């Protein structure tokens, strides 16, 4: 109680004097800290505006060149991957700007290119390097990435691993377009292992959660073949 009374009796002037005394004794240190924070803020701003942004812009330009080869009327997956004298490839983007958003996306594209050219080992490697995106458009790419890794596992006859990837693909994008497709693939992978009950559960989920999807009719047939 005594300490509380002393605190209550302390005048505003006394409190200000204590504050002034603190700054007199520690003013130089405080100035150094303040200046240090200003310098740090300037460095962060400068790094973002002078280094990160130009790198991201350049990476976006490079990946656009590779995407043109990838998405053309007659896709050239090898050139899209490796690039040539006229344009960069996805691997060039990864090597120079792998930490940028475009560099991350290039890992996904590189995995697809390797898959299309029959190199399953590198396809799995680069697809796994891809970091999941945020937002609705990114969800579709995330689902595709997991789905493709599942497809590779099926090619390697690792069906248990494939099911896990397909389940991740379903969770990544819960919609009528992609989710039932990956549920169907998961069911087929379970059937390949002889797990008919688990396969049936995937087909039933299609019918329950996505009855209007294209896969719903196929799910009925698959269920009929099991039962």
Protein backbone atom coordinates (compact mmCIF):
# COMPACT_ATOMS: atom_id res chain seq x y z
CA UNK A 1 0.00 0.00 0.00
CA UNK A 2 2.88 2.40 0.89
CA UNK A 3 4.47 1.93 -2.52
CA UNK A 4 1.11 2.49 -4.19
CA UNK A 5 0.61 5.77 -2.27
CA UNK A 6 4.04 7.00 -3.30
CA UNK A 7 3.25 6.23 -6.93
CA UNK A 8 -0.08 8.02 -6.71
CA UNK A 9 1.56 11.10 -5.16
CA UNK A 10 4.19 11.38 -7.85
CA UNK A 11 3.58 14.57 -9.82
CA UNK A 12 3.61 14.91 -13.58
CA UNK A 13 6.69 17.12 -13.29
CA UNK A 14 8.61 14.47 -11.36
CA UNK A 15 7.71 11.85 -13.95
CA UNK A 16 8.93 14.12 -16.76
CA UNK A 17 12.19 14.78 -14.92
CA UNK A 18 12.80 11.04 -14.66
CA UNK A 19 12.17 10.67 -18.39
CA UNK A 20 14.60 13.50 -19.19
CA UNK A 21 17.23 11.93 -16.93
CA UNK A 22 16.84 8.62 -18.74
CA UNK A 23 17.39 10.24 -22.14
CA UNK A 24 20.36 12.26 -20.84
CA UNK A 25 22.04 9.08 -19.64
CA UNK A 26 21.06 6.94 -22.63
CA UNK A 27 20.60 9.50 -25.39
CA UNK A 28 23.57 8.43 -27.47
CA UNK A 29 22.62 4.76 -27.24
CA UNK A 30 19.02 5.55 -28.15
CA UNK A 31 20.18 7.59 -31.13
CA UNK A 32 22.33 4.74 -32.37
CA UNK A 33 19.42 2.32 -32.01
CA UNK A 34 17.04 4.71 -33.78
CA UNK A 35 19.49 5.32 -36.61
CA UNK A 36 20.10 1.61 -36.86
CA UNK A 37 16.38 0.98 -37.26
CA UNK A 38 16.18 3.66 -39.95
CA UNK A 39 19.09 2.14 -41.82
CA UNK A 40 17.55 -1.33 -41.51
CA UNK A 41 14.21 -0.05 -42.82
CA UNK A 42 15.98 1.65 -45.72
CA UNK A 43 17.90 -1.51 -46.52
CA UNK A 44 14.71 -3.61 -46.49
CA UNK A 45 12.92 -1.11 -48.72
CA UNK A 46 15.93 -0.84 -51.03
CA UNK A 47 16.33 -4.60 -51.21
CA UNK A 48 12.70 -5.04 -52.15
CA UNK A 49 12.53 -2.21 -54.67
CA UNK A 50 16.01 -2.44 -56.18
CA UNK A 51 16.70 -6.18 -56.04
CA UNK A 52 13.61 -8.30 -55.46
CA UNK A 53 11.26 -6.48 -57.81
CA UNK A 54 13.67 -6.33 -60.79
CA UNK A 55 14.50 -10.02 -60.28
CA UNK A 56 10.82 -10.93 -60.20
CA UNK A 57 10.17 -8.88 -63.34
CA UNK A 58 13.05 -10.47 -65.23
CA UNK A 59 11.99 -13.94 -64.11
CA UNK A 60 8.44 -13.28 -65.35
CA UNK A 61 9.81 -12.25 -68.74
CA UNK A 62 11.95 -15.38 -68.97
CA UNK A 63 9.21 -17.80 -67.98
CA UNK A 64 6.86 -16.24 -70.55
CA UNK A 65 9.32 -17.25 -73.27
CA UNK A 66 9.38 -20.85 -72.03
CA UNK A 67 5.59 -20.92 -71.65
CA UNK A 68 5.20 -19.96 -75.31
CA UNK A 69 7.07 -23.13 -76.27
CA UNK A 70 5.13 -25.16 -73.72
CA UNK A 71 1.65 -23.96 -74.68
CA UNK A 72 2.10 -23.58 -78.43
CA UNK A 73 0.00 -25.32 -81.07
CA UNK A 74 2.76 -27.89 -81.38
CA UNK A 75 4.32 -27.94 -77.89
CA UNK A 76 8.07 -28.39 -77.78
CA UNK A 77 8.60 -29.66 -74.25
CA UNK A 78 12.34 -30.19 -74.60
CA UNK A 79 13.01 -26.66 -75.82
CA UNK A 80 10.59 -25.25 -73.26
CA UNK A 81 12.63 -27.04 -70.61
CA UNK A 82 16.16 -26.39 -71.84
CA UNK A 83 15.73 -23.21 -73.88
CA UNK A 84 17.82 -22.33 -76.96
CA UNK A 85 19.65 -19.38 -78.49
CA UNK A 86 16.38 -17.53 -79.03
CA UNK A 87 14.64 -17.96 -75.68
CA UNK A 88 15.17 -19.16 -72.14
CA UNK A 89 13.84 -22.46 -70.81
CA UNK A 90 12.28 -23.34 -67.49
CA UNK A 91 15.59 -24.63 -66.18
CA UNK A 92 17.19 -21.24 -66.93
CA UNK A 93 14.51 -19.50 -64.90
CA UNK A 94 15.06 -21.91 -62.00
CA UNK A 95 18.84 -21.50 -62.10
CA UNK A 96 18.83 -17.69 -62.18
CA UNK A 97 15.62 -16.79 -60.37
CA UNK A 98 14.56 -19.91 -58.50
CA UNK A 99 13.54 -17.96 -55.38
CA UNK A 100 11.04 -15.75 -57.24
CA UNK A 101 7.35 -16.62 -57.82
CA UNK A 102 8.11 -17.31 -61.49
CA UNK A 103 11.05 -19.47 -60.48
CA UNK A 104 8.77 -21.50 -58.26
CA UNK A 105 6.23 -21.93 -61.07
CA UNK A 106 9.04 -22.92 -63.43
CA UNK A 107 9.74 -25.93 -61.18
CA UNK A 108 6.18 -27.13 -61.75
CA UNK A 109 6.47 -26.64 -65.51
CA UNK A 110 9.87 -28.31 -65.60
CA UNK A 111 8.39 -31.36 -63.90
CA UNK A 112 5.67 -31.55 -66.54
CA UNK A 113 8.23 -31.22 -69.35
CA UNK A 114 10.30 -34.05 -67.92
CA UNK A 115 7.14 -36.13 -67.58
CA UNK A 116 6.17 -35.48 -71.19
CA UNK A 117 9.63 -36.49 -72.38
CA UNK A 118 9.57 -39.71 -70.35
CA UNK A 119 12.06 -38.80 -67.60
CA UNK A 120 10.03 -39.85 -64.56
CA UNK A 121 12.88 -39.40 -62.07
CA UNK A 122 13.48 -35.74 -62.91
CA UNK A 123 9.75 -35.15 -63.30
CA UNK A 124 9.15 -36.27 -59.72
CA UNK A 125 12.18 -34.29 -58.53
CA UNK A 126 11.07 -30.95 -59.94
CA UNK A 127 7.39 -31.37 -59.14
CA UNK A 128 8.37 -31.99 -55.53
CA UNK A 129 10.43 -28.77 -55.45
CA UNK A 130 7.36 -26.68 -56.25
CA UNK A 131 5.95 -24.70 -53.29
CA UNK A 132 2.18 -24.59 -53.03
CA UNK A 133 0.51 -21.35 -54.11
CA UNK A 134 -2.12 -19.31 -52.28
CA UNK A 135 -5.46 -18.20 -53.65
CA UNK A 136 -8.11 -19.79 -55.84
CA UNK A 137 -6.16 -19.79 -59.17
CA UNK A 138 -3.19 -21.30 -57.38
CA UNK A 139 -5.31 -24.11 -55.96
CA UNK A 140 -5.77 -25.64 -59.40
CA UNK A 141 -2.02 -25.65 -60.01
CA UNK A 142 -1.45 -27.13 -56.54
CA UNK A 143 -3.94 -29.90 -57.29
CA UNK A 144 -2.37 -30.58 -60.67
CA UNK A 145 1.07 -30.77 -59.07
CA UNK A 146 -0.03 -33.37 -56.53
CA UNK A 147 -2.01 -35.24 -59.19
CA UNK A 148 0.98 -35.46 -61.51
CA UNK A 149 3.13 -36.80 -58.69
CA UNK A 150 0.41 -39.39 -58.15
CA UNK A 151 0.50 -40.29 -61.85
CA UNK A 152 4.25 -40.80 -61.66
CA UNK A 153 3.83 -43.07 -58.63
CA UNK A 154 1.29 -45.11 -60.63
CA UNK A 155 3.77 -45.42 -63.50
CA UNK A 156 6.30 -46.69 -60.97
CA UNK A 157 3.65 -49.08 -59.60
CA UNK A 158 3.84 -47.47 -56.15
CA UNK A 159 0.07 -47.36 -55.75
CA UNK A 160 0.02 -46.61 -52.03
CA UNK A 161 2.13 -43.49 -52.65
CA UNK A 162 -0.11 -42.54 -55.56
CA UNK A 163 -3.22 -42.64 -53.36
CA UNK A 164 -1.63 -40.21 -50.89
CA UNK A 165 -0.84 -37.74 -53.66
CA UNK A 166 -4.35 -38.01 -55.12
CA UNK A 167 -5.85 -37.35 -51.68
CA UNK A 168 -3.68 -34.24 -51.39
CA UNK A 169 -4.86 -33.16 -54.84
CA UNK A 170 -8.49 -33.47 -53.75
CA UNK A 171 -7.87 -31.34 -50.65
CA UNK A 172 -5.87 -28.77 -52.61
CA UNK A 173 -8.83 -27.88 -54.86
CA UNK A 174 -12.24 -29.00 -53.67
CA UNK A 175 -14.32 -28.42 -56.81
CA UNK A 176 -16.49 -30.34 -59.27
CA UNK A 177 -13.81 -30.35 -61.95
CA UNK A 178 -10.62 -31.70 -60.39
CA UNK A 179 -11.62 -33.31 -57.06
CA UNK A 180 -13.77 -36.13 -58.53
CA UNK A 181 -11.09 -36.83 -61.13
CA UNK A 182 -8.48 -37.43 -58.44
CA UNK A 183 -10.91 -39.40 -56.28
CA UNK A 184 -11.45 -41.71 -59.25
CA UNK A 185 -7.70 -42.09 -59.73
CA UNK A 186 -7.29 -42.84 -56.02
CA UNK A 187 -9.97 -45.52 -56.29
CA UNK A 188 -8.27 -47.12 -59.27
CA UNK A 189 -4.94 -47.08 -57.41
CA UNK A 190 -6.58 -48.84 -54.46
CA UNK A 191 -8.09 -51.43 -56.79
CA UNK A 192 -4.65 -52.03 -58.26
CA UNK A 193 -3.56 -53.02 -54.75
CA UNK A 194 -6.59 -55.24 -54.27
CA UNK A 195 -8.16 -52.87 -51.73
CA UNK A 196 -11.70 -52.97 -53.09
CA UNK A 197 -13.39 -51.57 -49.98
CA UNK A 198 -11.11 -48.53 -49.96
CA UNK A 199 -11.65 -48.12 -53.69
CA UNK A 200 -15.41 -48.25 -53.18
CA UNK A 201 -15.17 -45.51 -50.55
CA UNK A 202 -13.56 -43.16 -53.08
CA UNK A 203 -16.20 -43.91 -55.71
CA UNK A 204 -18.99 -43.39 -53.18
CA UNK A 205 -17.48 -40.04 -52.21
CA UNK A 206 -17.71 -38.97 -55.85
CA UNK A 207 -21.40 -39.87 -55.93
CA UNK A 208 -22.10 -38.19 -52.60
CA UNK A 209 -20.04 -35.00 -52.90
CA UNK A 210 -19.89 -34.49 -56.67
CA UNK A 211 -23.02 -36.10 -58.17
CA UNK A 212 -23.09 -33.65 -61.11
CA UNK A 213 -19.49 -34.32 -62.13
CA UNK A 214 -18.45 -36.19 -65.26
CA UNK A 215 -16.85 -38.87 -63.08
CA UNK A 216 -20.11 -39.66 -61.21
CA UNK A 217 -21.46 -41.95 -63.94
CA UNK A 218 -18.12 -43.74 -64.19
CA UNK A 219 -18.06 -44.10 -60.40
CA UNK A 220 -21.37 -45.98 -60.52
CA UNK A 221 -19.95 -48.45 -63.05
CA UNK A 222 -16.78 -48.91 -60.98
CA UNK A 223 -18.83 -49.52 -57.85
CA UNK A 224 -20.89 -52.09 -59.75
CA UNK A 225 -17.76 -53.95 -60.80
CA UNK A 226 -16.67 -54.18 -57.16
CA UNK A 227 -20.00 -55.17 -55.61
